[in-house]
């Protein structure tokens, strides 16, 4: 066997090894390949060990794991004509790989653009107050519309989250004033309710004292004692208290002064 024949066999062997290596694919659990044979869709293969025909078969790998796409900040005009900037996050995954390859050219870019359009359309139909108070409901609505639109591409939108709402500076000041006015209103209502309850209790106490004058007198004496204990004052009560009582209070005060 000549040297040229040996070299040819070596080259042929190397070619066969490379051909065999390209014919064998090992796919992880989260990955699939869409196989086209001579331009026609053959099907989906994977996971595990997969054999293809080199040169004849063309493959496209698809990752089935959930993906996160950041929707760029969008300028939105709400129903009450307030201009805001809103951005969101979209979570989706591919559930039908052949549709994701055959039905749309770039499924990720198509999903991004559809998310931007849907975000502007949905938020443009609501007032600013509703948007700020009902984000969770709007998230679900956007997710439902997106999921319906991407179903034909074999894509499942699992979650949508409105991440940030940027308001104009004058609107921020207006909302701050509104919140302050609301707090003031609640404070006055609480104070009024407290006064109302206190007046009710005082009215009930007056009725009890009216029925029991002795209790009223004891309460008066208790009040005088509290005043004498807290303040350096001489209190001379009117009514039935006699001179001896007044003199006693005066002597008590003088002793306290000393």
Protein backbone atom coordinates (compact mmCIF):
# COMPACT_ATOMS: atom_id res chain seq x y z
CA UNK A 1 0.00 0.00 0.00
CA UNK A 2 1.53 3.27 -1.11
CA UNK A 3 1.84 6.39 0.96
CA UNK A 4 -0.77 8.21 -1.10
CA UNK A 5 -3.31 5.44 -0.44
CA UNK A 6 -2.66 5.61 3.30
CA UNK A 7 -3.10 9.39 3.31
CA UNK A 8 -6.37 9.02 1.38
CA UNK A 9 -7.67 6.47 3.87
CA UNK A 10 -6.74 8.70 6.78
CA UNK A 11 -8.56 11.64 5.19
CA UNK A 12 -11.58 9.44 4.48
CA UNK A 13 -11.59 8.18 8.07
CA UNK A 14 -11.40 11.69 9.45
CA UNK A 15 -14.27 12.73 7.19
CA UNK A 16 -16.41 9.80 8.36
CA UNK A 17 -15.69 10.63 12.01
CA UNK A 18 -16.68 14.28 11.47
CA UNK A 19 -19.80 13.19 9.56
CA UNK A 20 -20.80 10.84 12.35
CA UNK A 21 -20.17 13.51 14.97
CA UNK A 22 -22.39 15.97 13.12
CA UNK A 23 -25.10 13.33 12.81
CA UNK A 24 -25.32 12.80 16.58
CA UNK A 25 -26.88 15.44 18.82
CA UNK A 26 -27.32 15.26 22.58
CA UNK A 27 -30.05 17.57 23.84
CA UNK A 28 -30.75 18.51 27.49
CA UNK A 29 -34.24 18.20 28.96
CA UNK A 30 -35.13 21.85 28.33
CA UNK A 31 -34.09 21.86 24.66
CA UNK A 32 -35.66 20.63 21.40
CA UNK A 33 -34.64 20.78 17.75
CA UNK A 34 -36.93 21.47 14.81
CA UNK A 35 -35.73 19.37 11.87
CA UNK A 36 -36.16 20.35 8.21
CA UNK A 37 -35.27 17.71 5.60
CA UNK A 38 -34.63 19.18 2.18
CA UNK A 39 -36.63 22.24 3.19
CA UNK A 40 -39.67 20.38 4.49
CA UNK A 41 -40.64 20.29 8.15
CA UNK A 42 -39.79 16.83 9.45
CA UNK A 43 -40.74 17.31 13.10
CA UNK A 44 -39.43 17.96 16.59
CA UNK A 45 -36.74 15.83 18.22
CA UNK A 46 -35.31 15.64 21.71
CA UNK A 47 -34.40 15.50 24.47
CA UNK A 48 -31.56 12.99 24.77
CA UNK A 49 -29.66 11.33 21.92
CA UNK A 50 -30.84 12.42 18.45
CA UNK A 51 -29.63 11.30 15.02
CA UNK A 52 -29.90 13.44 11.90
CA UNK A 53 -28.68 13.16 8.34
CA UNK A 54 -25.85 15.65 7.78
CA UNK A 55 -26.16 18.04 4.83
CA UNK A 56 -29.70 16.77 4.13
CA UNK A 57 -31.21 17.85 7.45
CA UNK A 58 -31.26 21.40 8.75
CA UNK A 59 -31.93 21.92 12.48
CA UNK A 60 -32.98 24.86 14.63
CA UNK A 61 -32.54 24.62 18.40
CA UNK A 62 -35.34 25.87 20.65
CA UNK A 63 -35.06 26.54 24.39
CA UNK A 64 -38.26 25.66 26.27
CA UNK A 65 -37.37 27.44 29.51
CA UNK A 66 -39.32 30.48 30.62
CA UNK A 67 -37.89 33.72 29.30
CA UNK A 68 -37.98 37.26 30.66
CA UNK A 69 -38.33 40.21 28.31
CA UNK A 70 -38.06 43.82 29.43
CA UNK A 71 -40.62 45.95 27.61
CA UNK A 72 -38.99 49.34 26.88
CA UNK A 73 -40.53 52.42 28.48
CA UNK A 74 -43.65 53.49 26.59
CA UNK A 75 -45.25 56.94 26.42
CA UNK A 76 -48.95 56.46 27.21
CA UNK A 77 -51.83 58.94 27.27
CA UNK A 78 -54.47 57.78 29.75
CA UNK A 79 -58.21 58.16 29.35
CA UNK A 80 -58.17 61.39 31.40
CA UNK A 81 -55.43 62.87 29.13
CA UNK A 82 -52.45 62.41 31.46
CA UNK A 83 -49.16 61.58 29.73
CA UNK A 84 -47.10 58.97 31.59
CA UNK A 85 -44.12 56.72 30.92
CA UNK A 86 -44.68 53.05 31.68
CA UNK A 87 -42.43 50.01 31.39
CA UNK A 88 -43.22 46.36 32.08
CA UNK A 89 -41.76 42.87 32.22
CA UNK A 90 -43.14 39.92 30.22
CA UNK A 91 -42.56 36.26 31.11
CA UNK A 92 -43.20 33.67 28.40
CA UNK A 93 -42.12 30.24 27.21
CA UNK A 94 -42.37 28.22 24.00
CA UNK A 95 -44.86 25.36 24.16
CA UNK A 96 -44.94 24.49 20.43
CA UNK A 97 -41.45 24.74 18.88
CA UNK A 98 -42.47 24.08 15.27
CA UNK A 99 -44.97 26.99 15.33
CA UNK A 100 -42.35 29.27 16.88
CA UNK A 101 -40.09 28.53 13.91
CA UNK A 102 -42.56 28.23 11.03
CA UNK A 103 -45.30 30.75 11.92
CA UNK A 104 -43.15 33.77 12.83
CA UNK A 105 -39.71 34.91 11.73
CA UNK A 106 -38.36 36.06 15.12
CA UNK A 107 -40.69 35.04 17.92
CA UNK A 108 -38.82 37.00 20.61
CA UNK A 109 -38.88 40.30 18.70
CA UNK A 110 -42.51 39.72 17.67
CA UNK A 111 -43.49 39.14 21.30
CA UNK A 112 -41.70 42.33 22.37
CA UNK A 113 -43.48 44.47 19.79
CA UNK A 114 -46.86 42.95 20.57
CA UNK A 115 -46.28 43.59 24.29
CA UNK A 116 -45.47 47.26 23.64
CA UNK A 117 -48.61 47.75 21.53
CA UNK A 118 -50.84 45.94 24.02
CA UNK A 119 -49.42 47.93 26.95
CA UNK A 120 -50.23 51.25 25.25
CA UNK A 121 -53.70 50.12 24.16
CA UNK A 122 -54.80 48.77 27.55
CA UNK A 123 -53.44 51.63 29.68
CA UNK A 124 -54.83 54.21 27.25
CA UNK A 125 -58.35 52.99 28.05
CA UNK A 126 -58.22 53.69 31.82
CA UNK A 127 -57.90 56.72 34.07
CA UNK A 128 -54.70 57.47 35.97
CA UNK A 129 -56.32 56.79 39.36
CA UNK A 130 -57.52 53.39 38.15
CA UNK A 131 -54.07 52.56 36.80
CA UNK A 132 -52.35 53.39 40.08
CA UNK A 133 -54.91 51.51 42.18
CA UNK A 134 -55.47 48.40 40.03
CA UNK A 135 -52.11 47.31 38.64
CA UNK A 136 -52.75 43.64 39.35
CA UNK A 137 -55.99 43.65 37.39
CA UNK A 138 -54.33 45.45 34.47
CA UNK A 139 -51.44 42.96 34.55
CA UNK A 140 -53.88 40.08 34.13
CA UNK A 141 -55.73 41.85 31.32
CA UNK A 142 -52.52 42.53 29.40
CA UNK A 143 -51.40 38.93 29.94
CA UNK A 144 -54.70 37.57 28.58
CA UNK A 145 -54.50 39.71 25.43
CA UNK A 146 -50.83 38.86 24.86
CA UNK A 147 -51.41 35.16 25.41
CA UNK A 148 -54.23 35.20 22.86
CA UNK A 149 -52.04 37.00 20.32
CA UNK A 150 -49.01 34.74 20.73
CA UNK A 151 -50.94 31.46 20.79
CA UNK A 152 -50.62 31.14 17.00
CA UNK A 153 -46.83 31.33 17.42
CA UNK A 154 -46.75 28.48 19.94
CA UNK A 155 -45.88 30.85 22.79
CA UNK A 156 -47.48 30.93 26.24
CA UNK A 157 -47.35 34.25 28.13
CA UNK A 158 -47.24 33.26 31.80
CA UNK A 159 -47.04 36.63 33.53
CA UNK A 160 -46.95 40.38 32.87
CA UNK A 161 -45.86 42.94 35.46
CA UNK A 162 -46.14 46.72 35.15
CA UNK A 163 -42.83 47.67 36.73
CA UNK A 164 -42.77 51.46 36.84
CA UNK A 165 -45.11 54.38 36.20
CA UNK A 166 -43.40 57.76 35.79
CA UNK A 167 -45.71 60.77 36.27
CA UNK A 168 -45.12 64.37 35.15
CA UNK A 169 -43.74 66.66 37.86
CA UNK A 170 -46.90 68.78 38.07
CA UNK A 171 -49.01 65.64 38.44
CA UNK A 172 -46.78 64.42 41.29
CA UNK A 173 -47.34 67.73 43.11
CA UNK A 174 -51.09 67.55 42.51
CA UNK A 175 -51.27 64.01 43.88
CA UNK A 176 -49.26 65.06 46.94
CA UNK A 177 -51.72 67.89 47.63
CA UNK A 178 -54.63 65.53 47.14
CA UNK A 179 -53.15 63.02 49.58
CA UNK A 180 -52.52 65.77 52.14
CA UNK A 181 -56.11 67.01 51.82
CA UNK A 182 -57.39 63.46 52.23
CA UNK A 183 -55.33 62.99 55.42
CA UNK A 184 -56.65 66.31 56.79
CA UNK A 185 -60.22 65.25 56.02
CA UNK A 186 -59.78 61.93 57.82
CA UNK A 187 -58.18 63.68 60.80
CA UNK A 188 -61.13 66.06 61.15
CA UNK A 189 -63.61 63.22 60.84
CA UNK A 190 -61.81 61.29 63.60
CA UNK A 191 -61.75 64.37 65.85
CA UNK A 192 -65.46 65.02 65.21
CA UNK A 193 -66.31 61.40 66.01
CA UNK A 194 -64.29 61.66 69.22
CA UNK A 195 -66.13 64.85 70.25
CA UNK A 196 -69.46 63.21 69.46
CA UNK A 197 -68.67 60.15 71.57
CA UNK A 198 -67.37 62.33 74.41
CA UNK A 199 -70.54 64.44 74.37
CA UNK A 200 -72.65 61.30 74.51
CA UNK A 201 -70.75 60.04 77.56
CA UNK A 202 -71.02 63.45 79.23
CA UNK A 203 -74.76 63.52 78.60
CA UNK A 204 -75.10 60.08 80.15
CA UNK A 205 -73.00 61.17 83.15
CA UNK A 206 -75.16 64.29 83.61
CA UNK A 207 -78.28 62.14 83.76
CA UNK A 208 -76.68 59.92 86.41
CA UNK A 209 -75.57 62.92 88.50
CA UNK A 210 -79.05 64.39 88.19
CA UNK A 211 -80.49 61.25 89.75
CA UNK A 212 -77.80 61.13 92.49
CA UNK A 213 -76.82 64.64 93.77
CA UNK A 214 -74.49 63.12 96.37
CA UNK A 215 -72.43 61.57 93.60
CA UNK A 216 -72.24 64.96 91.92
CA UNK A 217 -70.98 66.49 95.19
CA UNK A 218 -68.33 63.80 95.61
CA UNK A 219 -67.15 64.40 92.07
CA UNK A 220 -66.87 68.11 92.77
CA UNK A 221 -64.76 67.49 95.87
CA UNK A 222 -62.54 65.11 93.92
CA UNK A 223 -62.00 67.77 91.28
CA UNK A 224 -61.07 70.33 93.94
CA UNK A 225 -58.58 67.92 95.46
CA UNK A 226 -56.96 67.31 92.07
CA UNK A 227 -56.67 71.06 91.45
CA UNK A 228 -55.11 71.65 94.88
CA UNK A 229 -52.62 68.85 94.26
CA UNK A 230 -51.51 70.05 90.84
CA UNK A 231 -51.72 73.87 91.11
CA UNK A 232 -50.70 76.43 93.74
CA UNK A 233 -54.19 77.90 93.85
CA UNK A 234 -56.80 78.56 96.56
CA UNK A 235 -60.21 77.44 95.36
CA UNK A 236 -63.24 78.73 97.22
CA UNK A 237 -66.23 76.71 96.07
CA UNK A 238 -69.69 78.21 96.07
CA UNK A 239 -72.73 76.54 97.46
CA UNK A 240 -73.07 74.52 100.64
CA UNK A 241 -69.42 74.49 101.76
CA UNK A 242 -69.09 76.43 105.00
CA UNK A 243 -66.45 78.71 106.45
CA UNK A 244 -64.76 75.89 108.31
CA UNK A 245 -64.23 73.94 105.13
CA UNK A 246 -62.72 76.96 103.39
CA UNK A 247 -60.45 77.62 106.36
CA UNK A 248 -59.33 74.01 106.31
CA UNK A 249 -58.43 74.17 102.66
CA UNK A 250 -56.55 77.45 103.29
CA UNK A 251 -54.53 75.92 106.13
CA UNK A 252 -53.70 72.91 103.95
CA UNK A 253 -52.49 75.23 101.23
CA UNK A 254 -50.34 77.26 103.65
CA UNK A 255 -48.69 74.11 104.95
CA UNK A 256 -47.95 73.06 101.41
CA UNK A 257 -46.37 76.46 100.72
CA UNK A 258 -44.09 76.08 103.73
